[in-house]
């Protein structure tokens, strides 16, 4: 078995989308038995800029068109999380030990009807707006610190 500490982190981008009421978009993942809700995020394609990846992921996962989000801030540093040992080698074809992520805060300028999670390749079964402080209670346990770090990075804007 490969030593997980020798595996690299998957380059990824994440998007915190806040609406006019100061609430944050979360979607309930389709592919998990856990009742986990998360913000849009995904891999950065080779040669792709992290901000462009975040915008692309928003569209792919939420159906929100680019004209309905405005960039507010970018987290100053990459944020990391490690997969729990039981998932290493089982997700992402065993190539990664976790993710290194660039996070972006966007203002949602559309209406709730502009959200459509029935995308070409759906990732969420449901969605809702939540208070930012609730984010760490909704995510899978191994991403709790990551979400605390995202909140800290955007604290002055929330």
C-alpha atoms as a PDB file:
ATOM      1  CA  UNK A   1       0.000   0.000   0.000  1.00  0.00           C
ATOM      2  CA  UNK A   2       1.199   3.497  -0.821  1.00  0.00           C
ATOM      3  CA  UNK A   3       2.223   5.693   2.084  1.00  0.00           C
ATOM      4  CA  UNK A   4      -0.438   8.445   1.995  1.00  0.00           C
ATOM      5  CA  UNK A   5       2.067  11.077   3.089  1.00  0.00           C
ATOM      6  CA  UNK A   6       3.900  10.600  -0.217  1.00  0.00           C
ATOM      7  CA  UNK A   7       0.778  11.324  -2.287  1.00  0.00           C
ATOM      8  CA  UNK A   8       0.238  14.877  -3.560  1.00  0.00           C
ATOM      9  CA  UNK A   9      -2.744  17.104  -2.857  1.00  0.00           C
ATOM     10  CA  UNK A  10      -5.339  17.550  -5.597  1.00  0.00           C
ATOM     11  CA  UNK A  11      -5.448  21.161  -6.859  1.00  0.00           C
ATOM     12  CA  UNK A  12      -8.945  22.474  -6.309  1.00  0.00           C
ATOM     13  CA  UNK A  13     -11.052  25.627  -6.208  1.00  0.00           C
ATOM     14  CA  UNK A  14     -13.960  26.380  -3.898  1.00  0.00           C
ATOM     15  CA  UNK A  15     -16.730  28.961  -3.981  1.00  0.00           C
ATOM     16  CA  UNK A  16     -18.548  30.493  -1.043  1.00  0.00           C
ATOM     17  CA  UNK A  17     -21.659  32.130  -2.488  1.00  0.00           C
ATOM     18  CA  UNK A  18     -23.449  34.589  -0.221  1.00  0.00           C
ATOM     19  CA  UNK A  19     -26.902  35.972  -0.952  1.00  0.00           C
ATOM     20  CA  UNK A  20     -28.387  39.372  -0.105  1.00  0.00           C
ATOM     21  CA  UNK A  21     -29.451  38.080   3.320  1.00  0.00           C
ATOM     22  CA  UNK A  22     -25.870  37.111   4.215  1.00  0.00           C
ATOM     23  CA  UNK A  23     -26.623  33.395   3.914  1.00  0.00           C
ATOM     24  CA  UNK A  24     -24.374  30.889   2.131  1.00  0.00           C
ATOM     25  CA  UNK A  25     -25.269  28.361  -0.575  1.00  0.00           C
ATOM     26  CA  UNK A  26     -24.819  24.696   0.327  1.00  0.00           C
ATOM     27  CA  UNK A  27     -25.777  21.596  -1.602  1.00  0.00           C
ATOM     28  CA  UNK A  28     -26.391  18.084  -0.275  1.00  0.00           C
ATOM     29  CA  UNK A  29     -24.087  15.667  -2.081  1.00  0.00           C
ATOM     30  CA  UNK A  30     -25.676  12.893  -4.119  1.00  0.00           C
ATOM     31  CA  UNK A  31     -22.767  10.452  -3.775  1.00  0.00           C
ATOM     32  CA  UNK A  32     -22.552  10.104  -0.011  1.00  0.00           C
ATOM     33  CA  UNK A  33     -24.385   8.166   2.650  1.00  0.00           C
ATOM     34  CA  UNK A  34     -23.619  10.991   5.042  1.00  0.00           C
ATOM     35  CA  UNK A  35     -26.079  13.831   5.387  1.00  0.00           C
ATOM     36  CA  UNK A  36     -23.298  16.193   4.334  1.00  0.00           C
ATOM     37  CA  UNK A  37     -23.895  19.588   2.804  1.00  0.00           C
ATOM     38  CA  UNK A  38     -21.076  21.498   1.150  1.00  0.00           C
ATOM     39  CA  UNK A  39     -20.207  24.578  -0.835  1.00  0.00           C
ATOM     40  CA  UNK A  40     -19.378  24.211  -4.540  1.00  0.00           C
ATOM     41  CA  UNK A  41     -15.833  23.032  -5.171  1.00  0.00           C
ATOM     42  CA  UNK A  42     -13.871  20.913  -7.593  1.00  0.00           C
ATOM     43  CA  UNK A  43     -10.642  20.196  -9.340  1.00  0.00           C
ATOM     44  CA  UNK A  44      -8.655  22.740 -11.292  1.00  0.00           C
ATOM     45  CA  UNK A  45      -8.072  21.510 -14.833  1.00  0.00           C
ATOM     46  CA  UNK A  46      -4.502  21.569 -16.223  1.00  0.00           C
ATOM     47  CA  UNK A  47      -3.698  25.103 -17.358  1.00  0.00           C
ATOM     48  CA  UNK A  48      -6.863  26.526 -15.763  1.00  0.00           C
ATOM     49  CA  UNK A  49      -6.778  29.566 -13.487  1.00  0.00           C
ATOM     50  CA  UNK A  50      -8.173  28.895  -9.976  1.00  0.00           C
ATOM     51  CA  UNK A  51     -10.733  31.723 -10.207  1.00  0.00           C
ATOM     52  CA  UNK A  52     -11.957  30.417 -13.570  1.00  0.00           C
ATOM     53  CA  UNK A  53     -12.198  26.930 -12.053  1.00  0.00           C
ATOM     54  CA  UNK A  54     -14.287  28.254  -9.158  1.00  0.00           C
ATOM     55  CA  UNK A  55     -16.677  29.994 -11.561  1.00  0.00           C
ATOM     56  CA  UNK A  56     -16.872  26.854 -13.717  1.00  0.00           C
ATOM     57  CA  UNK A  57     -17.623  24.686 -10.679  1.00  0.00           C
ATOM     58  CA  UNK A  58     -20.388  27.058  -9.592  1.00  0.00           C
ATOM     59  CA  UNK A  59     -22.041  26.634 -12.988  1.00  0.00           C
ATOM     60  CA  UNK A  60     -21.520  22.875 -13.141  1.00  0.00           C
ATOM     61  CA  UNK A  61     -22.825  22.230  -9.624  1.00  0.00           C
ATOM     62  CA  UNK A  62     -25.474  24.913  -9.087  1.00  0.00           C
ATOM     63  CA  UNK A  63     -26.590  25.969 -12.546  1.00  0.00           C
ATOM     64  CA  UNK A  64     -25.950  29.591 -11.513  1.00  0.00           C
ATOM     65  CA  UNK A  65     -24.917  31.595 -14.582  1.00  0.00           C
ATOM     66  CA  UNK A  66     -21.710  33.683 -14.362  1.00  0.00           C
ATOM     67  CA  UNK A  67     -23.672  36.938 -14.579  1.00  0.00           C
ATOM     68  CA  UNK A  68     -25.398  36.078 -11.276  1.00  0.00           C
ATOM     69  CA  UNK A  69     -22.212  36.023  -9.176  1.00  0.00           C
ATOM     70  CA  UNK A  70     -19.762  38.826  -8.404  1.00  0.00           C
ATOM     71  CA  UNK A  71     -16.333  38.251  -6.883  1.00  0.00           C
ATOM     72  CA  UNK A  72     -16.000  39.790  -3.416  1.00  0.00           C
ATOM     73  CA  UNK A  73     -12.727  38.294  -2.174  1.00  0.00           C
ATOM     74  CA  UNK A  74     -10.119  35.571  -2.590  1.00  0.00           C
ATOM     75  CA  UNK A  75      -8.667  33.712   0.389  1.00  0.00           C
ATOM     76  CA  UNK A  76      -5.059  34.873   0.803  1.00  0.00           C
ATOM     77  CA  UNK A  77      -3.626  31.352   1.097  1.00  0.00           C
ATOM     78  CA  UNK A  78      -4.261  27.874  -0.179  1.00  0.00           C
ATOM     79  CA  UNK A  79      -6.240  25.771   2.273  1.00  0.00           C
ATOM     80  CA  UNK A  80      -5.687  22.045   2.728  1.00  0.00           C
ATOM     81  CA  UNK A  81      -7.495  18.978   3.970  1.00  0.00           C
ATOM     82  CA  UNK A  82      -6.486  15.335   4.218  1.00  0.00           C
ATOM     83  CA  UNK A  83      -8.755  12.424   3.437  1.00  0.00           C
ATOM     84  CA  UNK A  84      -9.381  10.033   6.305  1.00  0.00           C
ATOM     85  CA  UNK A  85      -7.262   6.850   6.009  1.00  0.00           C
ATOM     86  CA  UNK A  86     -10.247   4.714   4.975  1.00  0.00           C
ATOM     87  CA  UNK A  87     -10.827   6.873   1.870  1.00  0.00           C
ATOM     88  CA  UNK A  88      -7.237   7.154   0.650  1.00  0.00           C
ATOM     89  CA  UNK A  89      -6.872   4.960  -2.396  1.00  0.00           C
ATOM     90  CA  UNK A  90     -10.653   4.730  -2.868  1.00  0.00           C
ATOM     91  CA  UNK A  91     -11.449   8.198  -4.225  1.00  0.00           C
ATOM     92  CA  UNK A  92      -9.841  10.064  -7.102  1.00  0.00           C
ATOM     93  CA  UNK A  93      -8.359   6.760  -8.352  1.00  0.00           C
ATOM     94  CA  UNK A  94      -5.946   6.753  -5.401  1.00  0.00           C
ATOM     95  CA  UNK A  95      -3.863   9.617  -6.822  1.00  0.00           C
ATOM     96  CA  UNK A  96      -4.330  12.175  -4.015  1.00  0.00           C
ATOM     97  CA  UNK A  97      -4.084  12.345  -0.216  1.00  0.00           C
ATOM     98  CA  UNK A  98      -6.483  15.270   0.020  1.00  0.00           C
ATOM     99  CA  UNK A  99      -6.973  18.647  -1.572  1.00  0.00           C
ATOM    100  CA  UNK A 100      -5.196  21.981  -1.685  1.00  0.00           C
ATOM    101  CA  UNK A 101      -7.788  24.590  -2.432  1.00  0.00           C
ATOM    102  CA  UNK A 102      -8.071  28.208  -3.525  1.00  0.00           C
ATOM    103  CA  UNK A 103     -11.282  29.703  -2.123  1.00  0.00           C
ATOM    104  CA  UNK A 104     -13.312  32.589  -3.558  1.00  0.00           C
ATOM    105  CA  UNK A 105     -16.195  34.535  -2.035  1.00  0.00           C
ATOM    106  CA  UNK A 106     -18.945  35.513  -4.456  1.00  0.00           C
ATOM    107  CA  UNK A 107     -22.054  37.650  -4.033  1.00  0.00           C
ATOM    108  CA  UNK A 108     -25.159  36.050  -5.535  1.00  0.00           C
ATOM    109  CA  UNK A 109     -27.021  38.715  -7.516  1.00  0.00           C
ATOM    110  CA  UNK A 110     -29.753  36.540  -8.968  1.00  0.00           C
ATOM    111  CA  UNK A 111     -32.991  35.079  -7.643  1.00  0.00           C
ATOM    112  CA  UNK A 112     -33.470  31.633  -6.120  1.00  0.00           C
ATOM    113  CA  UNK A 113     -35.066  30.593  -9.416  1.00  0.00           C
ATOM    114  CA  UNK A 114     -31.622  31.149 -11.027  1.00  0.00           C
ATOM    115  CA  UNK A 115     -30.304  28.144  -9.068  1.00  0.00           C
ATOM    116  CA  UNK A 116     -30.802  24.825 -10.861  1.00  0.00           C
ATOM    117  CA  UNK A 117     -28.970  21.819  -9.408  1.00  0.00           C
ATOM    118  CA  UNK A 118     -30.402  19.550 -12.134  1.00  0.00           C
ATOM    119  CA  UNK A 119     -27.237  20.117 -14.161  1.00  0.00           C
ATOM    120  CA  UNK A 120     -25.723  17.924 -16.898  1.00  0.00           C
ATOM    121  CA  UNK A 121     -23.859  15.909 -14.244  1.00  0.00           C
ATOM    122  CA  UNK A 122     -25.712  16.588 -10.975  1.00  0.00           C
ATOM    123  CA  UNK A 123     -23.674  16.598  -7.771  1.00  0.00           C
ATOM    124  CA  UNK A 124     -26.341  17.791  -5.338  1.00  0.00           C
ATOM    125  CA  UNK A 125     -29.724  16.269  -4.434  1.00  0.00           C
ATOM    126  CA  UNK A 126     -30.938  19.405  -2.603  1.00  0.00           C
ATOM    127  CA  UNK A 127     -29.764  22.933  -1.832  1.00  0.00           C
ATOM    128  CA  UNK A 128     -30.444  25.725   0.642  1.00  0.00           C
ATOM    129  CA  UNK A 129     -29.115  28.974   2.106  1.00  0.00           C
ATOM    130  CA  UNK A 130     -27.557  28.716   5.595  1.00  0.00           C
ATOM    131  CA  UNK A 131     -25.997  31.024   8.133  1.00  0.00           C
ATOM    132  CA  UNK A 132     -22.202  31.100   7.700  1.00  0.00           C
ATOM    133  CA  UNK A 133     -21.685  29.973  11.314  1.00  0.00           C
ATOM    134  CA  UNK A 134     -23.594  26.741  10.542  1.00  0.00           C
ATOM    135  CA  UNK A 135     -21.176  25.618   7.805  1.00  0.00           C
ATOM    136  CA  UNK A 136     -18.821  23.566  10.047  1.00  0.00           C
ATOM    137  CA  UNK A 137     -21.791  21.617  11.455  1.00  0.00           C
ATOM    138  CA  UNK A 138     -22.985  20.571   7.994  1.00  0.00           C
ATOM    139  CA  UNK A 139     -19.785  19.309   6.362  1.00  0.00           C
ATOM    140  CA  UNK A 140     -18.207  15.859   6.676  1.00  0.00           C
ATOM    141  CA  UNK A 141     -16.021  15.659   9.809  1.00  0.00           C
ATOM    142  CA  UNK A 142     -12.700  15.608   7.947  1.00  0.00           C
ATOM    143  CA  UNK A 143     -13.494  18.999   6.325  1.00  0.00           C
ATOM    144  CA  UNK A 144     -14.628  20.837   9.488  1.00  0.00           C
ATOM    145  CA  UNK A 145     -11.298  22.633   9.999  1.00  0.00           C
ATOM    146  CA  UNK A 146     -11.199  23.546   6.308  1.00  0.00           C
ATOM    147  CA  UNK A 147     -14.596  25.226   6.612  1.00  0.00           C
ATOM    148  CA  UNK A 148     -13.480  27.059   9.749  1.00  0.00           C
ATOM    149  CA  UNK A 149     -10.452  28.287   7.784  1.00  0.00           C
ATOM    150  CA  UNK A 150     -12.681  29.446   4.893  1.00  0.00           C
ATOM    151  CA  UNK A 151     -14.894  31.334   7.342  1.00  0.00           C
ATOM    152  CA  UNK A 152     -11.846  32.962   8.936  1.00  0.00           C
ATOM    153  CA  UNK A 153     -10.496  33.982   5.516  1.00  0.00           C
ATOM    154  CA  UNK A 154     -13.745  35.755   4.610  1.00  0.00           C
ATOM    155  CA  UNK A 155     -14.783  36.908   8.088  1.00  0.00           C
ATOM    156  CA  UNK A 156     -14.536  40.637   7.330  1.00  0.00           C
ATOM    157  CA  UNK A 157     -16.878  40.239   4.335  1.00  0.00           C
ATOM    158  CA  UNK A 158     -19.589  38.159   6.015  1.00  0.00           C
END
